[in-house]
Amino acid sequence: VTGSYAITNVNIIQAPGRKIDMGTILIKDGLIKAVGKGITIPSDAIVIKADSMYVYAGFIDGMSRAGVNRPKEENLPRPKDPGNPPAERAGITPYADVRFALNPGDKSLEDLRNLGFTTVQVIPYGNLLPGQAALILSGGKSPDQMLIQGRSSLYSELTGANNVYPANLLGVMATWRDLYRKAVNAKS
């Protein structure tokens, strides 16, 4: 039994844009002792051949609202035709960009960092089609410093709008079908 491990032939992603190809990670008693190429492996270490696998410097949260400001609840007046509301009221805002709702000082980002999450794909608040997600670092003083990739995905969810169509799951599915058909028609 040993407390030493060496992960060899591994691609190490230290940070966005910083990569060590086919390197070695030396771990002793649960702590990383060395990272790089040409590291001397102790004789008591268990060697794990990673054979071209990847290791990242932290965990990645694939879907979170950490650091995203929640929009204020507004009592919007009922539209004249609640069965055919404006797209924004129905929750169809694919152009909205979550980057403009980022708050780098939010405690939820600090909590994620403390758990070892370094990269987060943040999604916007909303319903049906709330907008564009972004891939960010969990640390930084401004949204621009945090940004790895803007518009990393288009986020959607199967929740209805408040007091207007589509207010339930059936309406949401019908709206999705309608949006899809409009996209197909626009493409042809």
C-alpha atoms as a PDB file:
ATOM      1  CA  VAL A   1       0.000   0.000   0.000  1.00  0.00           C
ATOM      2  CA  THR A   2       1.313   3.405  -0.941  1.00  0.00           C
ATOM      3  CA  GLY A   3       0.183   7.005  -0.803  1.00  0.00           C
ATOM      4  CA  SER A   4       2.028   7.876  -4.035  1.00  0.00           C
ATOM      5  CA  TYR A   5       0.552   7.862  -7.522  1.00  0.00           C
ATOM      6  CA  ALA A   6       1.923   8.938 -10.887  1.00  0.00           C
ATOM      7  CA  ILE A   7      -0.465   9.616 -13.747  1.00  0.00           C
ATOM      8  CA  THR A   8       1.598   9.401 -16.939  1.00  0.00           C
ATOM      9  CA  ASN A   9       1.038  10.262 -20.622  1.00  0.00           C
ATOM     10  CA  VAL A  10      -1.780  12.661 -19.789  1.00  0.00           C
ATOM     11  CA  ASN A  11      -2.770  15.921 -21.481  1.00  0.00           C
ATOM     12  CA  ILE A  12      -2.927  18.482 -18.673  1.00  0.00           C
ATOM     13  CA  ILE A  13      -5.095  21.571 -19.084  1.00  0.00           C
ATOM     14  CA  GLN A  14      -3.781  24.034 -16.482  1.00  0.00           C
ATOM     15  CA  ALA A  15      -6.006  26.931 -17.565  1.00  0.00           C
ATOM     16  CA  PRO A  16      -7.688  28.015 -20.799  1.00  0.00           C
ATOM     17  CA  GLY A  17      -4.928  28.136 -23.422  1.00  0.00           C
ATOM     18  CA  ARG A  18      -2.306  26.485 -21.167  1.00  0.00           C
ATOM     19  CA  LYS A  19      -1.725  22.805 -21.928  1.00  0.00           C
ATOM     20  CA  ILE A  20       1.007  20.265 -21.193  1.00  0.00           C
ATOM     21  CA  ASP A  21       1.001  17.460 -23.778  1.00  0.00           C
ATOM     22  CA  MET A  22       1.703  13.930 -22.537  1.00  0.00           C
ATOM     23  CA  GLY A  23       2.859  15.035 -19.098  1.00  0.00           C
ATOM     24  CA  THR A  24       2.933  13.458 -15.654  1.00  0.00           C
ATOM     25  CA  ILE A  25       1.077  14.255 -12.450  1.00  0.00           C
ATOM     26  CA  LEU A  26       2.662  13.100  -9.186  1.00  0.00           C
ATOM     27  CA  ILE A  27       0.307  12.716  -6.201  1.00  0.00           C
ATOM     28  CA  LYS A  28       1.516  11.945  -2.669  1.00  0.00           C
ATOM     29  CA  ASP A  29      -0.807  11.509   0.316  1.00  0.00           C
ATOM     30  CA  GLY A  30      -3.735  13.000  -1.590  1.00  0.00           C
ATOM     31  CA  LEU A  31      -1.902  16.166  -2.670  1.00  0.00           C
ATOM     32  CA  ILE A  32      -0.485  17.036  -6.074  1.00  0.00           C
ATOM     33  CA  LYS A  33       3.268  17.297  -5.639  1.00  0.00           C
ATOM     34  CA  ALA A  34       4.419  17.861  -9.230  1.00  0.00           C
ATOM     35  CA  VAL A  35       2.971  18.464 -12.681  1.00  0.00           C
ATOM     36  CA  GLY A  36       4.870  18.558 -15.965  1.00  0.00           C
ATOM     37  CA  LYS A  37       7.209  16.648 -18.237  1.00  0.00           C
ATOM     38  CA  GLY A  38      10.331  14.800 -17.141  1.00  0.00           C
ATOM     39  CA  ILE A  39       9.184  14.322 -13.540  1.00  0.00           C
ATOM     40  CA  THR A  40      11.043  11.648 -11.582  1.00  0.00           C
ATOM     41  CA  ILE A  41       8.574   9.001 -10.454  1.00  0.00           C
ATOM     42  CA  PRO A  42       9.294   7.596  -6.953  1.00  0.00           C
ATOM     43  CA  SER A  43       9.841   3.830  -6.796  1.00  0.00           C
ATOM     44  CA  ASP A  44       6.909   3.322  -4.405  1.00  0.00           C
ATOM     45  CA  ALA A  45       4.405   5.144  -6.666  1.00  0.00           C
ATOM     46  CA  ILE A  46       1.576   3.331  -8.401  1.00  0.00           C
ATOM     47  CA  VAL A  47       1.769   4.287 -12.082  1.00  0.00           C
ATOM     48  CA  ILE A  48      -1.513   4.990 -13.847  1.00  0.00           C
ATOM     49  CA  LYS A  49      -1.102   5.127 -17.629  1.00  0.00           C
ATOM     50  CA  ALA A  50      -3.579   7.732 -18.863  1.00  0.00           C
ATOM     51  CA  ASP A  51      -2.625   7.165 -22.515  1.00  0.00           C
ATOM     52  CA  SER A  52      -3.746  10.451 -24.042  1.00  0.00           C
ATOM     53  CA  MET A  53      -6.561  11.212 -21.557  1.00  0.00           C
ATOM     54  CA  TYR A  54      -7.156  14.755 -20.302  1.00  0.00           C
ATOM     55  CA  VAL A  55      -6.878  16.209 -16.804  1.00  0.00           C
ATOM     56  CA  TYR A  56      -8.278  19.614 -15.891  1.00  0.00           C
ATOM     57  CA  ALA A  57      -7.147  21.842 -13.036  1.00  0.00           C
ATOM     58  CA  GLY A  58     -10.642  21.928 -11.530  1.00  0.00           C
ATOM     59  CA  PHE A  59     -14.169  20.675 -11.813  1.00  0.00           C
ATOM     60  CA  ILE A  60     -16.462  21.883 -14.602  1.00  0.00           C
ATOM     61  CA  ASP A  61     -20.110  22.700 -13.860  1.00  0.00           C
ATOM     62  CA  GLY A  62     -22.013  22.105 -17.102  1.00  0.00           C
ATOM     63  CA  MET A  63     -25.175  24.021 -16.184  1.00  0.00           C
ATOM     64  CA  SER A  64     -25.513  26.592 -13.438  1.00  0.00           C
ATOM     65  CA  ARG A  65     -26.998  29.956 -12.619  1.00  0.00           C
ATOM     66  CA  ALA A  66     -24.127  30.802 -10.260  1.00  0.00           C
ATOM     67  CA  GLY A  67     -23.280  34.480 -10.540  1.00  0.00           C
ATOM     68  CA  VAL A  68     -26.305  35.241 -12.703  1.00  0.00           C
ATOM     69  CA  ASN A  69     -28.558  38.009 -11.428  1.00  0.00           C
ATOM     70  CA  ARG A  70     -32.169  36.893 -11.185  1.00  0.00           C
ATOM     71  CA  PRO A  71     -34.501  39.354 -12.913  1.00  0.00           C
ATOM     72  CA  LYS A  72     -36.816  41.264 -10.616  1.00  0.00           C
ATOM     73  CA  GLU A  73     -40.354  39.948 -10.374  1.00  0.00           C
ATOM     74  CA  GLU A  74     -42.586  42.406 -12.125  1.00  0.00           C
ATOM     75  CA  ASN A  75     -46.348  42.621 -12.081  1.00  0.00           C
ATOM     76  CA  LEU A  76     -46.779  43.121 -15.786  1.00  0.00           C
ATOM     77  CA  PRO A  77     -50.191  44.193 -17.020  1.00  0.00           C
ATOM     78  CA  ARG A  78     -52.166  41.519 -18.809  1.00  0.00           C
ATOM     79  CA  PRO A  79     -51.772  41.962 -22.588  1.00  0.00           C
ATOM     80  CA  LYS A  80     -54.843  42.617 -24.723  1.00  0.00           C
ATOM     81  CA  ASP A  81     -54.557  39.132 -26.236  1.00  0.00           C
ATOM     82  CA  PRO A  82     -53.051  36.735 -23.628  1.00  0.00           C
ATOM     83  CA  GLY A  83     -53.373  33.919 -26.171  1.00  0.00           C
ATOM     84  CA  ASN A  84     -50.939  35.713 -28.487  1.00  0.00           C
ATOM     85  CA  PRO A  85     -48.574  37.748 -26.295  1.00  0.00           C
ATOM     86  CA  PRO A  86     -45.374  39.482 -27.464  1.00  0.00           C
ATOM     87  CA  ALA A  87     -42.423  37.071 -27.755  1.00  0.00           C
ATOM     88  CA  GLU A  88     -40.631  38.546 -24.705  1.00  0.00           C
ATOM     89  CA  ARG A  89     -43.706  38.028 -22.524  1.00  0.00           C
ATOM     90  CA  ALA A  90     -44.091  34.437 -23.776  1.00  0.00           C
ATOM     91  CA  GLY A  91     -40.452  33.711 -22.861  1.00  0.00           C
ATOM     92  CA  ILE A  92     -39.033  33.611 -26.375  1.00  0.00           C
ATOM     93  CA  THR A  93     -35.805  35.631 -26.122  1.00  0.00           C
ATOM     94  CA  PRO A  94     -33.075  33.626 -27.909  1.00  0.00           C
ATOM     95  CA  TYR A  95     -31.080  36.820 -28.492  1.00  0.00           C
ATOM     96  CA  ALA A  96     -30.673  37.503 -24.738  1.00  0.00           C
ATOM     97  CA  ASP A  97     -27.081  36.997 -23.568  1.00  0.00           C
ATOM     98  CA  VAL A  98     -26.411  35.775 -20.026  1.00  0.00           C
ATOM     99  CA  ARG A  99     -23.104  37.716 -19.961  1.00  0.00           C
ATOM    100  CA  PHE A 100     -25.027  40.918 -19.294  1.00  0.00           C
ATOM    101  CA  ALA A 101     -26.556  39.388 -16.145  1.00  0.00           C
ATOM    102  CA  LEU A 102     -23.241  38.185 -14.630  1.00  0.00           C
ATOM    103  CA  ASN A 103     -22.252  39.385 -11.176  1.00  0.00           C
ATOM    104  CA  PRO A 104     -18.593  38.444 -10.412  1.00  0.00           C
ATOM    105  CA  GLY A 105     -19.063  39.229  -6.710  1.00  0.00           C
ATOM    106  CA  ASP A 106     -21.948  36.780  -6.234  1.00  0.00           C
ATOM    107  CA  LYS A 107     -21.449  34.437  -3.255  1.00  0.00           C
ATOM    108  CA  SER A 108     -22.561  31.414  -5.289  1.00  0.00           C
ATOM    109  CA  LEU A 109     -19.420  31.736  -7.447  1.00  0.00           C
ATOM    110  CA  GLU A 110     -17.230  31.856  -4.350  1.00  0.00           C
ATOM    111  CA  ASP A 111     -18.992  28.751  -3.019  1.00  0.00           C
ATOM    112  CA  LEU A 112     -18.306  26.907  -6.291  1.00  0.00           C
ATOM    113  CA  ARG A 113     -14.627  27.948  -6.224  1.00  0.00           C
ATOM    114  CA  ASN A 114     -14.342  26.661  -2.653  1.00  0.00           C
ATOM    115  CA  LEU A 115     -15.676  23.292  -3.842  1.00  0.00           C
ATOM    116  CA  GLY A 116     -13.045  23.125  -6.619  1.00  0.00           C
ATOM    117  CA  PHE A 117     -15.141  24.261  -9.612  1.00  0.00           C
ATOM    118  CA  THR A 118     -13.029  26.448 -11.872  1.00  0.00           C
ATOM    119  CA  THR A 119     -15.188  26.500 -15.012  1.00  0.00           C
ATOM    120  CA  VAL A 120     -18.940  27.033 -15.202  1.00  0.00           C
ATOM    121  CA  GLN A 121     -21.428  27.133 -18.044  1.00  0.00           C
ATOM    122  CA  VAL A 122     -23.943  29.695 -16.831  1.00  0.00           C
ATOM    123  CA  ILE A 123     -27.481  29.844 -18.170  1.00  0.00           C
ATOM    124  CA  PRO A 124     -29.981  32.702 -18.118  1.00  0.00           C
ATOM    125  CA  TYR A 125     -33.149  32.881 -16.050  1.00  0.00           C
ATOM    126  CA  GLY A 126     -36.406  32.700 -17.923  1.00  0.00           C
ATOM    127  CA  ASN A 127     -38.820  30.249 -19.450  1.00  0.00           C
ATOM    128  CA  LEU A 128     -39.242  28.475 -22.774  1.00  0.00           C
ATOM    129  CA  LEU A 129     -36.287  30.044 -24.658  1.00  0.00           C
ATOM    130  CA  PRO A 130     -34.523  32.459 -22.274  1.00  0.00           C
ATOM    131  CA  GLY A 131     -31.343  32.946 -24.307  1.00  0.00           C
ATOM    132  CA  GLN A 132     -27.629  32.304 -24.735  1.00  0.00           C
ATOM    133  CA  ALA A 133     -25.422  30.589 -22.141  1.00  0.00           C
ATOM    134  CA  ALA A 134     -21.735  31.393 -21.559  1.00  0.00           C
ATOM    135  CA  LEU A 135     -18.697  29.437 -20.409  1.00  0.00           C
ATOM    136  CA  ILE A 136     -16.910  31.326 -17.630  1.00  0.00           C
ATOM    137  CA  LEU A 137     -14.156  30.979 -15.055  1.00  0.00           C
ATOM    138  CA  SER A 138     -15.526  31.011 -11.516  1.00  0.00           C
ATOM    139  CA  GLY A 139     -13.087  33.788 -10.570  1.00  0.00           C
ATOM    140  CA  GLY A 140     -12.521  37.260 -11.916  1.00  0.00           C
ATOM    141  CA  LYS A 141     -13.252  40.892 -11.133  1.00  0.00           C
ATOM    142  CA  SER A 142     -15.398  41.570 -14.220  1.00  0.00           C
ATOM    143  CA  PRO A 143     -17.549  39.533 -16.600  1.00  0.00           C
ATOM    144  CA  ASP A 144     -14.946  40.133 -19.333  1.00  0.00           C
ATOM    145  CA  GLN A 145     -12.183  38.626 -17.154  1.00  0.00           C
ATOM    146  CA  MET A 146     -14.378  35.610 -16.387  1.00  0.00           C
ATOM    147  CA  LEU A 147     -15.448  34.875 -19.956  1.00  0.00           C
ATOM    148  CA  ILE A 148     -13.988  31.848 -21.742  1.00  0.00           C
ATOM    149  CA  GLN A 149     -16.630  31.528 -24.479  1.00  0.00           C
ATOM    150  CA  GLY A 150     -19.696  33.671 -24.975  1.00  0.00           C
ATOM    151  CA  ARG A 151     -22.806  32.233 -26.588  1.00  0.00           C
ATOM    152  CA  SER A 152     -21.654  28.700 -25.811  1.00  0.00           C
ATOM    153  CA  SER A 153     -25.170  27.315 -26.191  1.00  0.00           C
ATOM    154  CA  LEU A 154     -28.788  28.272 -26.649  1.00  0.00           C
ATOM    155  CA  TYR A 155     -30.643  27.383 -23.468  1.00  0.00           C
ATOM    156  CA  SER A 156     -34.270  26.331 -23.317  1.00  0.00           C
ATOM    157  CA  GLU A 157     -36.590  24.809 -20.757  1.00  0.00           C
ATOM    158  CA  LEU A 158     -40.064  23.371 -20.720  1.00  0.00           C
ATOM    159  CA  THR A 159     -41.699  25.921 -18.426  1.00  0.00           C
ATOM    160  CA  GLY A 160     -44.600  28.135 -19.339  1.00  0.00           C
ATOM    161  CA  ALA A 161     -45.122  31.864 -19.110  1.00  0.00           C
ATOM    162  CA  ASN A 162     -46.995  33.609 -16.306  1.00  0.00           C
ATOM    163  CA  ASN A 163     -50.662  34.398 -17.080  1.00  0.00           C
ATOM    164  CA  VAL A 164     -50.177  34.270 -20.873  1.00  0.00           C
ATOM    165  CA  TYR A 165     -49.799  31.612 -23.548  1.00  0.00           C
ATOM    166  CA  PRO A 166     -47.911  29.257 -23.328  1.00  0.00           C
ATOM    167  CA  ALA A 167     -48.696  28.831 -19.629  1.00  0.00           C
ATOM    168  CA  ASN A 168     -48.516  25.030 -19.401  1.00  0.00           C
ATOM    169  CA  LEU A 169     -46.498  22.153 -20.813  1.00  0.00           C
ATOM    170  CA  LEU A 170     -48.885  21.492 -23.710  1.00  0.00           C
ATOM    171  CA  GLY A 171     -48.699  25.128 -24.761  1.00  0.00           C
ATOM    172  CA  VAL A 172     -44.900  25.084 -24.482  1.00  0.00           C
ATOM    173  CA  MET A 173     -44.667  21.996 -26.714  1.00  0.00           C
ATOM    174  CA  ALA A 174     -47.060  23.551 -29.253  1.00  0.00           C
ATOM    175  CA  THR A 175     -44.998  26.758 -29.262  1.00  0.00           C
ATOM    176  CA  TRP A 176     -41.793  24.756 -29.830  1.00  0.00           C
ATOM    177  CA  ARG A 177     -43.428  22.946 -32.744  1.00  0.00           C
ATOM    178  CA  ASP A 178     -44.524  26.296 -34.184  1.00  0.00           C
ATOM    179  CA  LEU A 179     -41.037  27.822 -33.766  1.00  0.00           C
ATOM    180  CA  TYR A 180     -39.481  24.787 -35.459  1.00  0.00           C
ATOM    181  CA  ARG A 181     -41.844  24.994 -38.422  1.00  0.00           C
ATOM    182  CA  LYS A 182     -41.177  28.710 -38.801  1.00  0.00           C
ATOM    183  CA  ALA A 183     -37.427  28.016 -38.808  1.00  0.00           C
ATOM    184  CA  VAL A 184     -37.805  25.316 -41.478  1.00  0.00           C
ATOM    185  CA  ASN A 185     -39.932  27.629 -43.630  1.00  0.00           C
ATOM    186  CA  ALA A 186     -37.467  30.504 -43.206  1.00  0.00           C
ATOM    187  CA  LYS A 187     -34.587  28.246 -44.249  1.00  0.00           C
ATOM    188  CA  SER A 188     -36.220  27.069 -47.476  1.00  0.00           C
END
